[in-house]
Amino acid sequence: VSTLSVFASQDLSSMEWISEREVSDHPTHLMSGYAQSKWVAEKILQQTQRQGIPISIYRPGRITGHSQTGACHLDDFLYRLLIGCIQMGSIPDLDMSVDMTPVDYVSQAIVSLSLNSSQTSPFHLCNPAPVHWRWLCQHLQILGYTLDYLNYSEWKEQLLAKVFHAPEHPLYPLLPILLKEAELEDVIKQTRLLQFDAQNTQQGLKDTLIKCPPINEELLRTYLVYLFKHRYIPLPTYIHQEEF
């Protein structure tokens, strides 16, 4: 299983549509050691395939919590950012796209595709309809969180004041990225300029009931309730505790 970070490039200047058949031949352009390791893994698998050994490549995007229970891996950039912003009471204005692909969809899709001998990999496992960061911020406010919406420089000042000397804060491990605008801009640029085609995946799942849940208020509500139950955030004001 690889990830879509294998396409992360420092040289993005315009919108790029990435097909499932594409594999980058420019490892020197990959932004991080993590992305480079995924590139190397795919190259090794290609060599294995040429020797006649059957292999499959699954490229998930940002895997988020279960769409029904909200259960998730909390040590993740997006979750830490959301939890940290809610705890701070402020959120930065970022021009980035957000892929939220529920883990139950990813796992069901991989199992189904692995049993489908008529469809060959690679398979992109990402949400076909990502949302903008501003949509996420707006709906956090709609759901009842009081958040000051700040430009990035103002938010960074608040981040320094509240988090720099608080190693227990969820945003503390992200400070090397959040305080260096060039590194954050690389992350943002990738989400904005890379679009991933998943036609091969959709074709392989067309005769099943497996569909990627849309990113909507219901999914966000499920995720927030899970975070509340585990005491990471307060309960959104529009949700009554007796509802669950």
C-alpha atoms as a PDB file:
ATOM      1  CA  VAL A   1       0.000   0.000   0.000  1.00  0.00           C
ATOM      2  CA  SER A   2       1.473   3.308  -1.061  1.00  0.00           C
ATOM      3  CA  THR A   3       0.094   6.795  -0.457  1.00  0.00           C
ATOM      4  CA  LEU A   4      -0.659   9.689  -2.759  1.00  0.00           C
ATOM      5  CA  SER A   5       2.258  11.590  -1.210  1.00  0.00           C
ATOM      6  CA  VAL A   6       4.384   9.737  -3.770  1.00  0.00           C
ATOM      7  CA  PHE A   7       3.375  12.562  -6.133  1.00  0.00           C
ATOM      8  CA  ALA A   8       4.321  15.401  -3.778  1.00  0.00           C
ATOM      9  CA  SER A   9       6.515  17.711  -5.828  1.00  0.00           C
ATOM     10  CA  GLN A  10       8.403  20.883  -5.010  1.00  0.00           C
ATOM     11  CA  ASP A  11       7.943  21.996  -8.585  1.00  0.00           C
ATOM     12  CA  LEU A  12       4.177  22.434  -8.735  1.00  0.00           C
ATOM     13  CA  SER A  13       3.120  25.555 -10.610  1.00  0.00           C
ATOM     14  CA  SER A  14      -0.205  24.625 -12.181  1.00  0.00           C
ATOM     15  CA  MET A  15      -3.090  22.199 -11.675  1.00  0.00           C
ATOM     16  CA  GLU A  16      -1.985  18.634 -12.341  1.00  0.00           C
ATOM     17  CA  TRP A  17      -4.327  15.685 -12.867  1.00  0.00           C
ATOM     18  CA  ILE A  18      -2.741  12.430 -11.663  1.00  0.00           C
ATOM     19  CA  SER A  19      -3.960   9.213 -13.249  1.00  0.00           C
ATOM     20  CA  GLU A  20      -3.794   5.865 -11.488  1.00  0.00           C
ATOM     21  CA  ARG A  21      -1.336   4.556 -14.081  1.00  0.00           C
ATOM     22  CA  GLU A  22       1.162   7.315 -13.393  1.00  0.00           C
ATOM     23  CA  VAL A  23       4.353   6.824 -11.419  1.00  0.00           C
ATOM     24  CA  SER A  24       6.747   9.732 -10.962  1.00  0.00           C
ATOM     25  CA  ASP A  25      10.229   9.308 -12.457  1.00  0.00           C
ATOM     26  CA  HIS A  26      11.688  12.282 -10.580  1.00  0.00           C
ATOM     27  CA  PRO A  27      12.458  11.266  -6.978  1.00  0.00           C
ATOM     28  CA  THR A  28      14.635  14.337  -6.476  1.00  0.00           C
ATOM     29  CA  HIS A  29      11.477  16.472  -6.647  1.00  0.00           C
ATOM     30  CA  LEU A  30       9.741  14.677  -3.784  1.00  0.00           C
ATOM     31  CA  MET A  31       9.318  16.917  -0.752  1.00  0.00           C
ATOM     32  CA  SER A  32       9.964  14.537   2.126  1.00  0.00           C
ATOM     33  CA  GLY A  33      11.679  11.319   3.082  1.00  0.00           C
ATOM     34  CA  TYR A  34       8.222   9.837   3.643  1.00  0.00           C
ATOM     35  CA  ALA A  35       7.189  10.571   0.046  1.00  0.00           C
ATOM     36  CA  GLN A  36      10.539   9.314  -1.252  1.00  0.00           C
ATOM     37  CA  SER A  37      10.098   6.014   0.621  1.00  0.00           C
ATOM     38  CA  LYS A  38       6.727   5.495  -1.082  1.00  0.00           C
ATOM     39  CA  TRP A  39       8.291   6.185  -4.479  1.00  0.00           C
ATOM     40  CA  VAL A  40      11.041   3.624  -3.791  1.00  0.00           C
ATOM     41  CA  ALA A  41       8.452   1.054  -2.657  1.00  0.00           C
ATOM     42  CA  GLU A  42       6.507   1.427  -5.908  1.00  0.00           C
ATOM     43  CA  LYS A  43       9.680   1.083  -7.985  1.00  0.00           C
ATOM     44  CA  ILE A  44      10.600  -2.123  -6.145  1.00  0.00           C
ATOM     45  CA  LEU A  45       7.117  -3.491  -6.737  1.00  0.00           C
ATOM     46  CA  GLN A  46       7.376  -2.665 -10.431  1.00  0.00           C
ATOM     47  CA  GLN A  47      10.592  -4.686 -10.644  1.00  0.00           C
ATOM     48  CA  THR A  48       8.892  -7.552  -8.816  1.00  0.00           C
ATOM     49  CA  GLN A  49       5.973  -7.415 -11.227  1.00  0.00           C
ATOM     50  CA  ARG A  50       8.313  -7.649 -14.237  1.00  0.00           C
ATOM     51  CA  GLN A  51       9.626 -10.910 -12.767  1.00  0.00           C
ATOM     52  CA  GLY A  52       6.126 -12.374 -12.967  1.00  0.00           C
ATOM     53  CA  ILE A  53       5.098 -11.991  -9.346  1.00  0.00           C
ATOM     54  CA  PRO A  54       1.543 -10.616  -8.997  1.00  0.00           C
ATOM     55  CA  ILE A  55       1.370  -7.379  -7.029  1.00  0.00           C
ATOM     56  CA  SER A  56      -1.250  -4.727  -6.344  1.00  0.00           C
ATOM     57  CA  ILE A  57      -0.723  -1.067  -5.471  1.00  0.00           C
ATOM     58  CA  TYR A  58      -3.266   0.860  -3.415  1.00  0.00           C
ATOM     59  CA  ARG A  59      -2.693   4.594  -3.015  1.00  0.00           C
ATOM     60  CA  PRO A  60      -4.828   6.072  -0.229  1.00  0.00           C
ATOM     61  CA  GLY A  61      -5.140   9.796   0.312  1.00  0.00           C
ATOM     62  CA  ARG A  62      -5.773  11.225   3.780  1.00  0.00           C
ATOM     63  CA  ILE A  63      -7.459   8.416   5.713  1.00  0.00           C
ATOM     64  CA  THR A  64      -9.834   9.771   8.350  1.00  0.00           C
ATOM     65  CA  GLY A  65     -12.119   8.232  10.969  1.00  0.00           C
ATOM     66  CA  HIS A  66     -14.794   5.581  10.549  1.00  0.00           C
ATOM     67  CA  SER A  67     -17.841   7.135   8.909  1.00  0.00           C
ATOM     68  CA  GLN A  68     -20.259   5.553  11.416  1.00  0.00           C
ATOM     69  CA  THR A  69     -18.347   5.573  14.707  1.00  0.00           C
ATOM     70  CA  GLY A  70     -15.809   8.356  14.145  1.00  0.00           C
ATOM     71  CA  ALA A  71     -12.994   6.135  15.480  1.00  0.00           C
ATOM     72  CA  CYS A  72      -9.721   7.488  14.146  1.00  0.00           C
ATOM     73  CA  HIS A  73      -5.952   7.771  14.378  1.00  0.00           C
ATOM     74  CA  LEU A  74      -5.524  10.982  16.331  1.00  0.00           C
ATOM     75  CA  ASP A  75      -1.817  11.510  15.681  1.00  0.00           C
ATOM     76  CA  ASP A  76      -2.487  12.949  12.238  1.00  0.00           C
ATOM     77  CA  PHE A  77      -1.822  16.415  10.805  1.00  0.00           C
ATOM     78  CA  LEU A  78      -5.466  17.208  10.033  1.00  0.00           C
ATOM     79  CA  TYR A  79      -6.850  15.930  13.353  1.00  0.00           C
ATOM     80  CA  ARG A  80      -4.171  17.717  15.352  1.00  0.00           C
ATOM     81  CA  LEU A  81      -4.857  20.917  13.434  1.00  0.00           C
ATOM     82  CA  LEU A  82      -8.616  20.745  14.011  1.00  0.00           C
ATOM     83  CA  ILE A  83      -8.352  19.782  17.698  1.00  0.00           C
ATOM     84  CA  GLY A  84      -5.663  22.391  18.293  1.00  0.00           C
ATOM     85  CA  CYS A  85      -7.643  25.169  16.621  1.00  0.00           C
ATOM     86  CA  ILE A  86     -10.760  24.349  18.647  1.00  0.00           C
ATOM     87  CA  GLN A  87      -8.720  24.350  21.862  1.00  0.00           C
ATOM     88  CA  MET A  88      -7.103  27.671  20.908  1.00  0.00           C
ATOM     89  CA  GLY A  89     -10.417  29.225  19.910  1.00  0.00           C
ATOM     90  CA  SER A  90      -9.033  30.452  16.605  1.00  0.00           C
ATOM     91  CA  ILE A  91      -8.446  29.094  13.133  1.00  0.00           C
ATOM     92  CA  PRO A  92      -6.205  30.274  10.276  1.00  0.00           C
ATOM     93  CA  ASP A  93      -7.435  31.247   6.830  1.00  0.00           C
ATOM     94  CA  LEU A  94      -5.667  28.721   4.568  1.00  0.00           C
ATOM     95  CA  ASP A  95      -6.243  28.281   0.842  1.00  0.00           C
ATOM     96  CA  MET A  96      -6.090  24.508   0.743  1.00  0.00           C
ATOM     97  CA  SER A  97      -8.170  21.513  -0.217  1.00  0.00           C
ATOM     98  CA  VAL A  98      -9.018  18.843   2.357  1.00  0.00           C
ATOM     99  CA  ASP A  99      -9.373  15.161   1.483  1.00  0.00           C
ATOM    100  CA  MET A 100     -11.207  13.133   4.116  1.00  0.00           C
ATOM    101  CA  THR A 101     -11.464   9.475   3.124  1.00  0.00           C
ATOM    102  CA  PRO A 102     -13.132   7.379   5.859  1.00  0.00           C
ATOM    103  CA  VAL A 103     -11.148   4.340   6.940  1.00  0.00           C
ATOM    104  CA  ASP A 104     -14.123   1.966   6.570  1.00  0.00           C
ATOM    105  CA  TYR A 105     -14.414   2.885   2.882  1.00  0.00           C
ATOM    106  CA  VAL A 106     -10.672   2.415   2.340  1.00  0.00           C
ATOM    107  CA  SER A 107     -10.575  -0.994   4.026  1.00  0.00           C
ATOM    108  CA  GLN A 108     -13.707  -2.284   2.288  1.00  0.00           C
ATOM    109  CA  ALA A 109     -12.461  -1.059  -1.078  1.00  0.00           C
ATOM    110  CA  ILE A 110      -9.057  -2.724  -0.688  1.00  0.00           C
ATOM    111  CA  VAL A 111     -10.636  -6.065   0.253  1.00  0.00           C
ATOM    112  CA  SER A 112     -13.119  -5.917  -2.627  1.00  0.00           C
ATOM    113  CA  LEU A 113     -10.563  -4.809  -5.213  1.00  0.00           C
ATOM    114  CA  SER A 114      -8.091  -7.470  -4.084  1.00  0.00           C
ATOM    115  CA  LEU A 115     -10.710 -10.139  -4.858  1.00  0.00           C
ATOM    116  CA  ASN A 116     -11.580  -8.673  -8.264  1.00  0.00           C
ATOM    117  CA  SER A 117      -9.321 -10.433 -10.768  1.00  0.00           C
ATOM    118  CA  SER A 118     -10.704  -8.408 -13.699  1.00  0.00           C
ATOM    119  CA  GLN A 119      -9.360  -5.095 -12.396  1.00  0.00           C
ATOM    120  CA  THR A 120      -5.654  -4.422 -12.087  1.00  0.00           C
ATOM    121  CA  SER A 121      -3.912  -1.833  -9.937  1.00  0.00           C
ATOM    122  CA  PRO A 122      -2.846   0.853  -9.158  1.00  0.00           C
ATOM    123  CA  PHE A 123      -5.924   2.083  -7.313  1.00  0.00           C
ATOM    124  CA  HIS A 124      -6.411   5.576  -5.922  1.00  0.00           C
ATOM    125  CA  LEU A 125      -8.382   5.537  -2.664  1.00  0.00           C
ATOM    126  CA  CYS A 126      -9.314   9.151  -2.039  1.00  0.00           C
ATOM    127  CA  ASN A 127     -12.520  11.103  -1.643  1.00  0.00           C
ATOM    128  CA  PRO A 128     -13.779  12.065  -5.127  1.00  0.00           C
ATOM    129  CA  ALA A 129     -15.158  15.339  -3.722  1.00  0.00           C
ATOM    130  CA  PRO A 130     -12.659  17.015  -1.378  1.00  0.00           C
ATOM    131  CA  VAL A 131     -13.702  20.239   0.348  1.00  0.00           C
ATOM    132  CA  HIS A 132     -11.956  23.534   0.879  1.00  0.00           C
ATOM    133  CA  TRP A 133     -10.445  24.317   4.277  1.00  0.00           C
ATOM    134  CA  ARG A 134     -12.783  27.319   4.520  1.00  0.00           C
ATOM    135  CA  TRP A 135     -15.812  24.993   4.208  1.00  0.00           C
ATOM    136  CA  LEU A 136     -14.489  23.022   7.170  1.00  0.00           C
ATOM    137  CA  CYS A 137     -13.925  26.181   9.215  1.00  0.00           C
ATOM    138  CA  GLN A 138     -17.390  27.507   8.397  1.00  0.00           C
ATOM    139  CA  HIS A 139     -19.080  24.279   9.455  1.00  0.00           C
ATOM    140  CA  LEU A 140     -17.143  24.103  12.713  1.00  0.00           C
ATOM    141  CA  GLN A 141     -18.647  27.509  13.459  1.00  0.00           C
ATOM    142  CA  ILE A 142     -22.122  26.408  12.293  1.00  0.00           C
ATOM    143  CA  LEU A 143     -21.898  23.419  14.639  1.00  0.00           C
ATOM    144  CA  GLY A 144     -21.384  25.782  17.545  1.00  0.00           C
ATOM    145  CA  TYR A 145     -17.665  26.322  18.052  1.00  0.00           C
ATOM    146  CA  THR A 146     -16.597  29.884  18.787  1.00  0.00           C
ATOM    147  CA  LEU A 147     -13.563  30.378  16.576  1.00  0.00           C
ATOM    148  CA  ASP A 148     -11.829  33.604  15.603  1.00  0.00           C
ATOM    149  CA  TYR A 149     -11.091  33.418  11.873  1.00  0.00           C
ATOM    150  CA  LEU A 150      -7.655  35.003  11.481  1.00  0.00           C
ATOM    151  CA  ASN A 151      -5.208  35.645   8.682  1.00  0.00           C
ATOM    152  CA  TYR A 152      -2.183  33.413   8.985  1.00  0.00           C
ATOM    153  CA  SER A 153       0.248  35.944  10.467  1.00  0.00           C
ATOM    154  CA  GLU A 154      -2.221  36.853  13.243  1.00  0.00           C
ATOM    155  CA  TRP A 155      -2.961  33.198  13.955  1.00  0.00           C
ATOM    156  CA  LYS A 156       0.758  32.373  14.068  1.00  0.00           C
ATOM    157  CA  GLU A 157       1.282  35.029  16.748  1.00  0.00           C
ATOM    158  CA  GLN A 158      -1.463  33.429  18.821  1.00  0.00           C
ATOM    159  CA  LEU A 159       0.030  29.993  18.170  1.00  0.00           C
ATOM    160  CA  LEU A 160       3.387  31.126  19.522  1.00  0.00           C
ATOM    161  CA  ALA A 161       1.795  32.673  22.584  1.00  0.00           C
ATOM    162  CA  LYS A 162      -0.386  29.680  23.501  1.00  0.00           C
ATOM    163  CA  VAL A 163       1.520  26.635  22.241  1.00  0.00           C
ATOM    164  CA  PHE A 164       5.277  27.306  22.063  1.00  0.00           C
ATOM    165  CA  HIS A 165       5.791  26.536  25.764  1.00  0.00           C
ATOM    166  CA  ALA A 166       3.035  23.910  26.018  1.00  0.00           C
ATOM    167  CA  PRO A 167       4.415  20.534  24.830  1.00  0.00           C
ATOM    168  CA  GLU A 168       1.150  18.815  25.806  1.00  0.00           C
ATOM    169  CA  HIS A 169      -0.833  20.872  23.270  1.00  0.00           C
ATOM    170  CA  PRO A 170      -1.934  18.949  20.127  1.00  0.00           C
ATOM    171  CA  LEU A 171      -0.341  21.590  17.887  1.00  0.00           C
ATOM    172  CA  TYR A 172       3.052  21.446  19.596  1.00  0.00           C
ATOM    173  CA  PRO A 173       4.441  18.604  17.378  1.00  0.00           C
ATOM    174  CA  LEU A 174       3.334  20.571  14.290  1.00  0.00           C
ATOM    175  CA  LEU A 175       5.231  23.757  15.177  1.00  0.00           C
ATOM    176  CA  PRO A 176       8.162  23.000  12.797  1.00  0.00           C
ATOM    177  CA  ILE A 177       5.666  23.053   9.921  1.00  0.00           C
ATOM    178  CA  LEU A 178       3.225  25.692  11.135  1.00  0.00           C
ATOM    179  CA  LEU A 179       5.884  28.259  12.036  1.00  0.00           C
ATOM    180  CA  LYS A 180       7.755  27.936   8.727  1.00  0.00           C
ATOM    181  CA  GLU A 181       5.494  29.398   6.088  1.00  0.00           C
ATOM    182  CA  ALA A 182       7.568  27.925   3.231  1.00  0.00           C
ATOM    183  CA  GLU A 183       7.022  24.365   4.545  1.00  0.00           C
ATOM    184  CA  LEU A 184       3.345  24.968   5.191  1.00  0.00           C
ATOM    185  CA  GLU A 185       2.960  26.446   1.726  1.00  0.00           C
ATOM    186  CA  ASP A 186       4.412  23.237   0.231  1.00  0.00           C
ATOM    187  CA  VAL A 187       1.723  21.227   2.027  1.00  0.00           C
ATOM    188  CA  ILE A 188      -0.989  23.650   0.937  1.00  0.00           C
ATOM    189  CA  LYS A 189       0.230  23.844  -2.654  1.00  0.00           C
ATOM    190  CA  GLN A 190       0.084  20.074  -3.047  1.00  0.00           C
ATOM    191  CA  THR A 191      -3.535  19.901  -1.862  1.00  0.00           C
ATOM    192  CA  ARG A 192      -4.498  22.766  -4.167  1.00  0.00           C
ATOM    193  CA  LEU A 193      -2.734  21.709  -7.358  1.00  0.00           C
ATOM    194  CA  LEU A 194      -2.903  17.921  -7.392  1.00  0.00           C
ATOM    195  CA  GLN A 195      -6.151  16.212  -8.381  1.00  0.00           C
ATOM    196  CA  PHE A 196      -6.313  12.429  -8.346  1.00  0.00           C
ATOM    197  CA  ASP A 197      -8.231  10.353 -10.853  1.00  0.00           C
ATOM    198  CA  ALA A 198      -9.908   7.250  -9.371  1.00  0.00           C
ATOM    199  CA  GLN A 199     -11.686   5.799 -12.408  1.00  0.00           C
ATOM    200  CA  ASN A 200      -9.907   2.459 -12.067  1.00  0.00           C
ATOM    201  CA  THR A 201     -11.051   2.182  -8.456  1.00  0.00           C
ATOM    202  CA  GLN A 202     -14.605   3.205  -9.325  1.00  0.00           C
ATOM    203  CA  GLN A 203     -14.715   0.692 -12.166  1.00  0.00           C
ATOM    204  CA  GLY A 204     -13.542  -2.073  -9.840  1.00  0.00           C
ATOM    205  CA  LEU A 205     -16.233  -1.202  -7.283  1.00  0.00           C
ATOM    206  CA  LYS A 206     -19.112  -0.510  -9.675  1.00  0.00           C
ATOM    207  CA  ASP A 207     -20.927  -3.797  -8.953  1.00  0.00           C
ATOM    208  CA  THR A 208     -20.631  -3.406  -5.193  1.00  0.00           C
ATOM    209  CA  LEU A 209     -22.344  -1.235  -2.592  1.00  0.00           C
ATOM    210  CA  ILE A 210     -19.021   0.305  -1.563  1.00  0.00           C
ATOM    211  CA  LYS A 211     -19.134   4.076  -1.981  1.00  0.00           C
ATOM    212  CA  CYS A 212     -16.949   6.747  -0.456  1.00  0.00           C
ATOM    213  CA  PRO A 213     -19.041   8.746   2.051  1.00  0.00           C
ATOM    214  CA  PRO A 214     -19.345  12.413   1.100  1.00  0.00           C
ATOM    215  CA  ILE A 215     -17.683  15.075   3.221  1.00  0.00           C
ATOM    216  CA  ASN A 216     -20.743  16.746   4.680  1.00  0.00           C
ATOM    217  CA  GLU A 217     -22.075  18.030   7.985  1.00  0.00           C
ATOM    218  CA  GLU A 218     -23.189  14.548   9.039  1.00  0.00           C
ATOM    219  CA  LEU A 219     -19.680  13.101   8.637  1.00  0.00           C
ATOM    220  CA  LEU A 220     -18.111  16.067  10.406  1.00  0.00           C
ATOM    221  CA  ARG A 221     -20.617  15.714  13.247  1.00  0.00           C
ATOM    222  CA  THR A 222     -19.681  12.039  13.655  1.00  0.00           C
ATOM    223  CA  TYR A 223     -16.009  12.931  13.901  1.00  0.00           C
ATOM    224  CA  LEU A 224     -16.586  15.743  16.398  1.00  0.00           C
ATOM    225  CA  VAL A 225     -18.740  13.582  18.684  1.00  0.00           C
ATOM    226  CA  TYR A 226     -15.986  10.950  18.773  1.00  0.00           C
ATOM    227  CA  LEU A 227     -13.414  13.601  19.698  1.00  0.00           C
ATOM    228  CA  PHE A 228     -15.728  14.912  22.416  1.00  0.00           C
ATOM    229  CA  LYS A 229     -16.271  11.440  23.872  1.00  0.00           C
ATOM    230  CA  HIS A 230     -12.511  11.060  24.183  1.00  0.00           C
ATOM    231  CA  ARG A 231     -12.197  14.482  25.849  1.00  0.00           C
ATOM    232  CA  TYR A 232     -10.188  16.202  23.153  1.00  0.00           C
ATOM    233  CA  ILE A 233     -12.723  18.961  22.460  1.00  0.00           C
ATOM    234  CA  PRO A 234     -15.865  20.372  24.087  1.00  0.00           C
ATOM    235  CA  LEU A 235     -19.230  19.256  22.781  1.00  0.00           C
ATOM    236  CA  PRO A 236     -20.507  21.343  19.852  1.00  0.00           C
ATOM    237  CA  THR A 237     -23.292  23.546  21.213  1.00  0.00           C
ATOM    238  CA  TYR A 238     -25.873  22.329  18.720  1.00  0.00           C
ATOM    239  CA  ILE A 239     -25.472  18.684  19.835  1.00  0.00           C
ATOM    240  CA  HIS A 240     -27.161  17.592  23.048  1.00  0.00           C
ATOM    241  CA  GLN A 241     -25.265  15.062  25.133  1.00  0.00           C
ATOM    242  CA  GLU A 242     -28.383  12.919  25.580  1.00  0.00           C
ATOM    243  CA  GLU A 243     -28.381  12.264  21.810  1.00  0.00           C
ATOM    244  CA  PHE A 244     -25.735   9.558  22.217  1.00  0.00           C
END
